[in-house]
Amino acid sequence: MGNQIYVRGLITISTHCNENCTFCSLRAENRTHERFRMNAGEIANIVHQAMHFGCNSVVIETGCDPDLSCGHLCEIIDRIRIFQRLGIALACGPRSLSEFKYFRQYGADRYYLRFETANQSIFEKAIPGEKWDDRVQSLAAARAHDMQISSGFLIGWPDSTMTHLAQDILYATQWKLDEIWCDPFISQKDTPLAGINFRCSN
């Protein structure tokens, strides 16, 4: 690892989302969450500030925003890649398999997408309407188009066990990820899992 510090800037460009993840305050049915969507010029200005503060790369993060098409995201990448020697990563949820080709061509070099859990039953209860296989296929498509991938899981899902956690760790190692991304379960207000405490039973 050495003794160097690598600084990455995380820029949330949209809080609109059409998914209803039971654990996330961005979920579509949450009417209390403030929604915004930045344009390419605003994003470029913030990226310039991030570089001024010493960021070596930026992550462009969104909810699963249906109005941010592949073309919109490629325009954003094109606007910010004028900052040479800046790594560009995307964290924009599952995308259609063909989109990753264009993300890479326009200059994005990394994609952030957690598989959330290796247990398909837990996944499909937590993220209704989305199939676990579809998310995994998005990860595979990003890698197939020569993007680095960052993925991982949420630790302490309600009703999860230490066996589930072990399965998540083993599954993550199978991917040989460029970066592992894990968070503990922390309940968010205005979600179906509000008020439920972190736990991972034996």
C-alpha atoms as a PDB file:
ATOM      1  CA  MET A   1       0.000   0.000   0.000  1.00  0.00           C
ATOM      2  CA  GLY A   2       2.854   2.433   0.718  1.00  0.00           C
ATOM      3  CA  ASN A   3       2.446   5.728   2.521  1.00  0.00           C
ATOM      4  CA  GLN A   4       0.657   7.760  -0.148  1.00  0.00           C
ATOM      5  CA  ILE A   5      -2.877   9.122   0.189  1.00  0.00           C
ATOM      6  CA  TYR A   6      -5.104   9.055  -2.875  1.00  0.00           C
ATOM      7  CA  VAL A   7      -7.868  11.675  -2.794  1.00  0.00           C
ATOM      8  CA  ARG A   8     -11.097  11.016  -4.693  1.00  0.00           C
ATOM      9  CA  GLY A   9     -13.988  13.468  -4.944  1.00  0.00           C
ATOM     10  CA  LEU A  10     -17.566  12.155  -4.813  1.00  0.00           C
ATOM     11  CA  ILE A  11     -20.053  14.357  -6.668  1.00  0.00           C
ATOM     12  CA  THR A  12     -23.754  13.542  -6.428  1.00  0.00           C
ATOM     13  CA  ILE A  13     -25.278  14.991  -9.593  1.00  0.00           C
ATOM     14  CA  SER A  14     -28.846  13.710  -9.189  1.00  0.00           C
ATOM     15  CA  THR A  15     -31.036  12.527  -6.334  1.00  0.00           C
ATOM     16  CA  HIS A  16     -33.873  11.425  -8.611  1.00  0.00           C
ATOM     17  CA  CYS A  17     -34.428   7.663  -8.548  1.00  0.00           C
ATOM     18  CA  ASN A  18     -37.031   5.336 -10.006  1.00  0.00           C
ATOM     19  CA  GLU A  19     -36.155   2.385  -7.757  1.00  0.00           C
ATOM     20  CA  ASN A  20     -37.770   1.562  -4.418  1.00  0.00           C
ATOM     21  CA  CYS A  21     -34.933   0.013  -2.453  1.00  0.00           C
ATOM     22  CA  THR A  22     -36.298  -0.677   1.021  1.00  0.00           C
ATOM     23  CA  PHE A  23     -33.146   0.631   2.728  1.00  0.00           C
ATOM     24  CA  CYS A  24     -32.424   3.837   0.771  1.00  0.00           C
ATOM     25  CA  SER A  25     -33.840   7.307   1.401  1.00  0.00           C
ATOM     26  CA  LEU A  26     -33.570   8.131  -2.327  1.00  0.00           C
ATOM     27  CA  ARG A  27     -36.317   5.589  -3.079  1.00  0.00           C
ATOM     28  CA  ALA A  28     -38.979   6.818  -5.509  1.00  0.00           C
ATOM     29  CA  GLU A  29     -41.824   6.611  -2.976  1.00  0.00           C
ATOM     30  CA  ASN A  30     -40.040   8.889  -0.493  1.00  0.00           C
ATOM     31  CA  ARG A  31     -41.827  12.192  -1.086  1.00  0.00           C
ATOM     32  CA  THR A  32     -39.866  14.039   1.608  1.00  0.00           C
ATOM     33  CA  HIS A  33     -36.403  13.743   0.061  1.00  0.00           C
ATOM     34  CA  GLU A  34     -35.046  16.840  -1.670  1.00  0.00           C
ATOM     35  CA  ARG A  35     -34.541  16.154  -5.381  1.00  0.00           C
ATOM     36  CA  PHE A  36     -32.114  17.881  -7.721  1.00  0.00           C
ATOM     37  CA  ARG A  37     -30.328  17.254 -10.994  1.00  0.00           C
ATOM     38  CA  MET A  38     -27.200  19.149 -12.065  1.00  0.00           C
ATOM     39  CA  ASN A  39     -26.320  20.069 -15.635  1.00  0.00           C
ATOM     40  CA  ALA A  40     -22.987  19.401 -17.351  1.00  0.00           C
ATOM     41  CA  GLY A  41     -21.710  22.947 -16.804  1.00  0.00           C
ATOM     42  CA  GLU A  42     -22.416  22.854 -13.062  1.00  0.00           C
ATOM     43  CA  ILE A  43     -20.699  19.489 -12.800  1.00  0.00           C
ATOM     44  CA  ALA A  44     -17.615  20.715 -14.681  1.00  0.00           C
ATOM     45  CA  ASN A  45     -17.305  23.679 -12.290  1.00  0.00           C
ATOM     46  CA  ILE A  46     -17.432  21.400  -9.243  1.00  0.00           C
ATOM     47  CA  VAL A  47     -14.879  19.031 -10.786  1.00  0.00           C
ATOM     48  CA  HIS A  48     -12.560  22.017 -11.269  1.00  0.00           C
ATOM     49  CA  GLN A  49     -12.953  22.864  -7.569  1.00  0.00           C
ATOM     50  CA  ALA A  50     -12.278  19.237  -6.619  1.00  0.00           C
ATOM     51  CA  MET A  51      -9.004  19.314  -8.543  1.00  0.00           C
ATOM     52  CA  HIS A  52      -8.077  22.561  -6.785  1.00  0.00           C
ATOM     53  CA  PHE A  53      -8.528  20.742  -3.453  1.00  0.00           C
ATOM     54  CA  GLY A  54      -6.181  17.962  -4.575  1.00  0.00           C
ATOM     55  CA  CYS A  55      -8.526  15.271  -5.880  1.00  0.00           C
ATOM     56  CA  ASN A  56      -6.847  12.801  -8.230  1.00  0.00           C
ATOM     57  CA  SER A  57     -10.151  11.409  -9.482  1.00  0.00           C
ATOM     58  CA  VAL A  58     -13.882  12.025  -9.247  1.00  0.00           C
ATOM     59  CA  VAL A  59     -16.874   9.740  -8.880  1.00  0.00           C
ATOM     60  CA  ILE A  60     -20.021  10.948 -10.630  1.00  0.00           C
ATOM     61  CA  GLU A  61     -22.859   9.534  -8.522  1.00  0.00           C
ATOM     62  CA  THR A  62     -26.593   9.479  -9.209  1.00  0.00           C
ATOM     63  CA  GLY A  63     -29.719   7.722  -8.147  1.00  0.00           C
ATOM     64  CA  CYS A  64     -31.248   5.449 -10.794  1.00  0.00           C
ATOM     65  CA  ASP A  65     -32.400   8.524 -12.690  1.00  0.00           C
ATOM     66  CA  PRO A  66     -34.327   7.635 -15.882  1.00  0.00           C
ATOM     67  CA  ASP A  67     -33.714  11.128 -17.299  1.00  0.00           C
ATOM     68  CA  LEU A  68     -29.932  10.639 -17.264  1.00  0.00           C
ATOM     69  CA  SER A  69     -29.567   8.679 -20.468  1.00  0.00           C
ATOM     70  CA  CYS A  70     -26.362   7.182 -21.789  1.00  0.00           C
ATOM     71  CA  GLY A  71     -26.032  10.255 -24.013  1.00  0.00           C
ATOM     72  CA  HIS A  72     -26.379  12.640 -21.051  1.00  0.00           C
ATOM     73  CA  LEU A  73     -23.759  10.777 -19.047  1.00  0.00           C
ATOM     74  CA  CYS A  74     -21.371  10.664 -22.005  1.00  0.00           C
ATOM     75  CA  GLU A  75     -21.802  14.437 -22.416  1.00  0.00           C
ATOM     76  CA  ILE A  76     -20.867  14.878 -18.755  1.00  0.00           C
ATOM     77  CA  ILE A  77     -17.802  12.649 -19.126  1.00  0.00           C
ATOM     78  CA  ASP A  78     -16.792  14.589 -22.248  1.00  0.00           C
ATOM     79  CA  ARG A  79     -17.069  17.915 -20.396  1.00  0.00           C
ATOM     80  CA  ILE A  80     -14.870  16.868 -17.495  1.00  0.00           C
ATOM     81  CA  ARG A  81     -12.217  14.825 -19.257  1.00  0.00           C
ATOM     82  CA  ILE A  82     -10.633  18.086 -20.435  1.00  0.00           C
ATOM     83  CA  PHE A  83      -9.038  18.028 -16.976  1.00  0.00           C
ATOM     84  CA  GLN A  84      -6.082  15.862 -17.899  1.00  0.00           C
ATOM     85  CA  ARG A  85      -4.701  13.241 -15.514  1.00  0.00           C
ATOM     86  CA  LEU A  86      -8.063  13.101 -13.723  1.00  0.00           C
ATOM     87  CA  GLY A  87      -9.602   9.668 -13.198  1.00  0.00           C
ATOM     88  CA  ILE A  88     -13.329   9.541 -13.959  1.00  0.00           C
ATOM     89  CA  ALA A  89     -15.589   6.989 -12.284  1.00  0.00           C
ATOM     90  CA  LEU A  90     -19.349   6.535 -12.488  1.00  0.00           C
ATOM     91  CA  ALA A  91     -21.782   5.321  -9.831  1.00  0.00           C
ATOM     92  CA  CYS A  92     -25.088   5.463 -11.696  1.00  0.00           C
ATOM     93  CA  GLY A  93     -26.789   2.196 -10.809  1.00  0.00           C
ATOM     94  CA  PRO A  94     -27.417  -0.761 -13.108  1.00  0.00           C
ATOM     95  CA  ARG A  95     -27.283   0.202 -16.785  1.00  0.00           C
ATOM     96  CA  SER A  96     -28.051  -1.578 -20.034  1.00  0.00           C
ATOM     97  CA  LEU A  97     -25.136  -3.714 -21.159  1.00  0.00           C
ATOM     98  CA  SER A  98     -24.375  -1.688 -24.294  1.00  0.00           C
ATOM     99  CA  GLU A  99     -23.922   1.581 -22.374  1.00  0.00           C
ATOM    100  CA  PHE A 100     -20.630   0.568 -20.797  1.00  0.00           C
ATOM    101  CA  LYS A 101     -18.956   0.556 -24.213  1.00  0.00           C
ATOM    102  CA  TYR A 102     -19.752   4.262 -24.601  1.00  0.00           C
ATOM    103  CA  PHE A 103     -18.856   5.173 -21.025  1.00  0.00           C
ATOM    104  CA  ARG A 104     -15.400   3.700 -21.615  1.00  0.00           C
ATOM    105  CA  GLN A 105     -14.985   5.279 -25.051  1.00  0.00           C
ATOM    106  CA  TYR A 106     -15.798   8.714 -23.657  1.00  0.00           C
ATOM    107  CA  GLY A 107     -13.224   8.401 -20.899  1.00  0.00           C
ATOM    108  CA  ALA A 108     -14.736   6.836 -17.762  1.00  0.00           C
ATOM    109  CA  ASP A 109     -12.323   4.280 -16.357  1.00  0.00           C
ATOM    110  CA  ARG A 110     -14.132   2.855 -13.326  1.00  0.00           C
ATOM    111  CA  TYR A 111     -17.687   1.841 -12.413  1.00  0.00           C
ATOM    112  CA  TYR A 112     -19.110   1.630  -8.890  1.00  0.00           C
ATOM    113  CA  LEU A 113     -21.984  -0.807  -8.424  1.00  0.00           C
ATOM    114  CA  ARG A 114     -22.521  -2.924  -5.335  1.00  0.00           C
ATOM    115  CA  PHE A 115     -24.021  -6.371  -5.753  1.00  0.00           C
ATOM    116  CA  GLU A 116     -25.410  -5.677  -2.227  1.00  0.00           C
ATOM    117  CA  THR A 117     -25.672  -9.343  -1.207  1.00  0.00           C
ATOM    118  CA  ALA A 118     -24.794 -12.711  -2.682  1.00  0.00           C
ATOM    119  CA  ASN A 119     -28.172 -14.014  -1.492  1.00  0.00           C
ATOM    120  CA  GLN A 120     -30.731 -13.536  -4.257  1.00  0.00           C
ATOM    121  CA  SER A 121     -33.719 -13.839  -1.919  1.00  0.00           C
ATOM    122  CA  ILE A 122     -32.434 -11.050   0.350  1.00  0.00           C
ATOM    123  CA  PHE A 123     -31.579  -8.935  -2.701  1.00  0.00           C
ATOM    124  CA  GLU A 124     -34.998  -9.175  -4.305  1.00  0.00           C
ATOM    125  CA  LYS A 125     -36.758  -8.307  -1.031  1.00  0.00           C
ATOM    126  CA  ALA A 126     -34.441  -5.335  -0.506  1.00  0.00           C
ATOM    127  CA  ILE A 127     -34.674  -4.062  -4.095  1.00  0.00           C
ATOM    128  CA  PRO A 128     -38.149  -4.958  -5.376  1.00  0.00           C
ATOM    129  CA  GLY A 129     -38.477  -4.980  -9.134  1.00  0.00           C
ATOM    130  CA  GLU A 130     -34.800  -5.608  -9.836  1.00  0.00           C
ATOM    131  CA  LYS A 131     -33.242  -8.998 -10.514  1.00  0.00           C
ATOM    132  CA  TRP A 132     -29.927  -9.926  -8.903  1.00  0.00           C
ATOM    133  CA  ASP A 133     -28.760 -11.427 -12.205  1.00  0.00           C
ATOM    134  CA  ASP A 134     -29.312  -8.111 -14.003  1.00  0.00           C
ATOM    135  CA  ARG A 135     -27.072  -6.281 -11.545  1.00  0.00           C
ATOM    136  CA  VAL A 136     -24.337  -8.883 -11.848  1.00  0.00           C
ATOM    137  CA  GLN A 137     -24.562  -8.645 -15.643  1.00  0.00           C
ATOM    138  CA  SER A 138     -23.984  -4.887 -15.396  1.00  0.00           C
ATOM    139  CA  LEU A 139     -20.790  -5.535 -13.444  1.00  0.00           C
ATOM    140  CA  ALA A 140     -19.661  -8.087 -15.997  1.00  0.00           C
ATOM    141  CA  ALA A 141     -20.367  -5.659 -18.852  1.00  0.00           C
ATOM    142  CA  ALA A 142     -18.293  -2.924 -17.207  1.00  0.00           C
ATOM    143  CA  ARG A 143     -15.366  -5.303 -16.851  1.00  0.00           C
ATOM    144  CA  ALA A 144     -15.789  -6.620 -20.411  1.00  0.00           C
ATOM    145  CA  HIS A 145     -15.346  -3.048 -21.672  1.00  0.00           C
ATOM    146  CA  ASP A 146     -12.081  -2.638 -19.764  1.00  0.00           C
ATOM    147  CA  MET A 147     -13.470  -0.589 -16.894  1.00  0.00           C
ATOM    148  CA  GLN A 148     -12.174  -1.113 -13.387  1.00  0.00           C
ATOM    149  CA  ILE A 149     -14.991  -2.184 -11.089  1.00  0.00           C
ATOM    150  CA  SER A 150     -15.753  -1.321  -7.500  1.00  0.00           C
ATOM    151  CA  SER A 151     -18.370  -3.481  -5.836  1.00  0.00           C
ATOM    152  CA  GLY A 152     -19.296  -5.029  -2.536  1.00  0.00           C
ATOM    153  CA  PHE A 153     -22.151  -5.467  -0.140  1.00  0.00           C
ATOM    154  CA  LEU A 154     -24.142  -4.120   2.778  1.00  0.00           C
ATOM    155  CA  ILE A 155     -23.219  -5.686   6.118  1.00  0.00           C
ATOM    156  CA  GLY A 156     -25.992  -6.556   8.562  1.00  0.00           C
ATOM    157  CA  TRP A 157     -29.103  -6.857   6.421  1.00  0.00           C
ATOM    158  CA  PRO A 158     -32.241  -7.515   8.516  1.00  0.00           C
ATOM    159  CA  ASP A 159     -32.631 -11.293   8.942  1.00  0.00           C
ATOM    160  CA  SER A 160     -29.100 -11.938   7.665  1.00  0.00           C
ATOM    161  CA  THR A 161     -26.679 -14.296   9.402  1.00  0.00           C
ATOM    162  CA  MET A 162     -22.931 -14.738   9.697  1.00  0.00           C
ATOM    163  CA  THR A 163     -23.267 -17.400   7.007  1.00  0.00           C
ATOM    164  CA  HIS A 164     -24.728 -14.795   4.646  1.00  0.00           C
ATOM    165  CA  LEU A 165     -21.845 -12.453   5.468  1.00  0.00           C
ATOM    166  CA  ALA A 166     -19.308 -15.187   4.752  1.00  0.00           C
ATOM    167  CA  GLN A 167     -21.020 -15.874   1.421  1.00  0.00           C
ATOM    168  CA  ASP A 168     -20.853 -12.168   0.559  1.00  0.00           C
ATOM    169  CA  ILE A 169     -17.118 -12.049   1.286  1.00  0.00           C
ATOM    170  CA  LEU A 170     -16.437 -15.176  -0.747  1.00  0.00           C
ATOM    171  CA  TYR A 171     -18.503 -13.884  -3.654  1.00  0.00           C
ATOM    172  CA  ALA A 172     -16.639 -10.559  -3.643  1.00  0.00           C
ATOM    173  CA  THR A 173     -13.295 -12.371  -3.809  1.00  0.00           C
ATOM    174  CA  GLN A 174     -14.447 -14.292  -6.889  1.00  0.00           C
ATOM    175  CA  TRP A 175     -14.716 -11.023  -8.800  1.00  0.00           C
ATOM    176  CA  LYS A 176     -11.111  -9.979  -8.077  1.00  0.00           C
ATOM    177  CA  LEU A 177     -12.412  -6.454  -7.642  1.00  0.00           C
ATOM    178  CA  ASP A 178     -10.281  -3.373  -8.190  1.00  0.00           C
ATOM    179  CA  GLU A 179     -11.885  -1.897  -5.074  1.00  0.00           C
ATOM    180  CA  ILE A 180     -14.146  -3.420  -2.432  1.00  0.00           C
ATOM    181  CA  TRP A 181     -16.997  -1.199  -1.249  1.00  0.00           C
ATOM    182  CA  CYS A 182     -18.866  -2.229   1.911  1.00  0.00           C
ATOM    183  CA  ASP A 183     -21.052  -0.321   4.350  1.00  0.00           C
ATOM    184  CA  PRO A 184     -22.874  -1.344   7.534  1.00  0.00           C
ATOM    185  CA  PHE A 185     -26.655  -1.354   7.423  1.00  0.00           C
ATOM    186  CA  ILE A 186     -27.865   1.915   8.961  1.00  0.00           C
ATOM    187  CA  SER A 187     -31.616   2.407   8.827  1.00  0.00           C
ATOM    188  CA  GLN A 188     -32.794   5.545   7.026  1.00  0.00           C
ATOM    189  CA  LYS A 189     -35.903   7.495   7.922  1.00  0.00           C
ATOM    190  CA  ASP A 190     -38.835   7.436   5.503  1.00  0.00           C
ATOM    191  CA  THR A 191     -37.983   3.919   4.328  1.00  0.00           C
ATOM    192  CA  PRO A 192     -39.662   0.567   5.081  1.00  0.00           C
ATOM    193  CA  LEU A 193     -36.633  -0.408   7.205  1.00  0.00           C
ATOM    194  CA  ALA A 194     -36.624   2.766   9.317  1.00  0.00           C
ATOM    195  CA  GLY A 195     -35.915   2.070  12.980  1.00  0.00           C
ATOM    196  CA  ILE A 196     -34.438  -1.392  12.431  1.00  0.00           C
ATOM    197  CA  ASN A 197     -31.056  -1.792  14.095  1.00  0.00           C
ATOM    198  CA  PHE A 198     -27.900  -3.272  12.601  1.00  0.00           C
ATOM    199  CA  ARG A 199     -27.660  -6.974  13.368  1.00  0.00           C
ATOM    200  CA  CYS A 200     -26.030 -10.077  11.958  1.00  0.00           C
ATOM    201  CA  SER A 201     -27.089 -13.187  13.870  1.00  0.00           C
ATOM    202  CA  ASN A 202     -25.131 -16.409  14.182  1.00  0.00           C
END
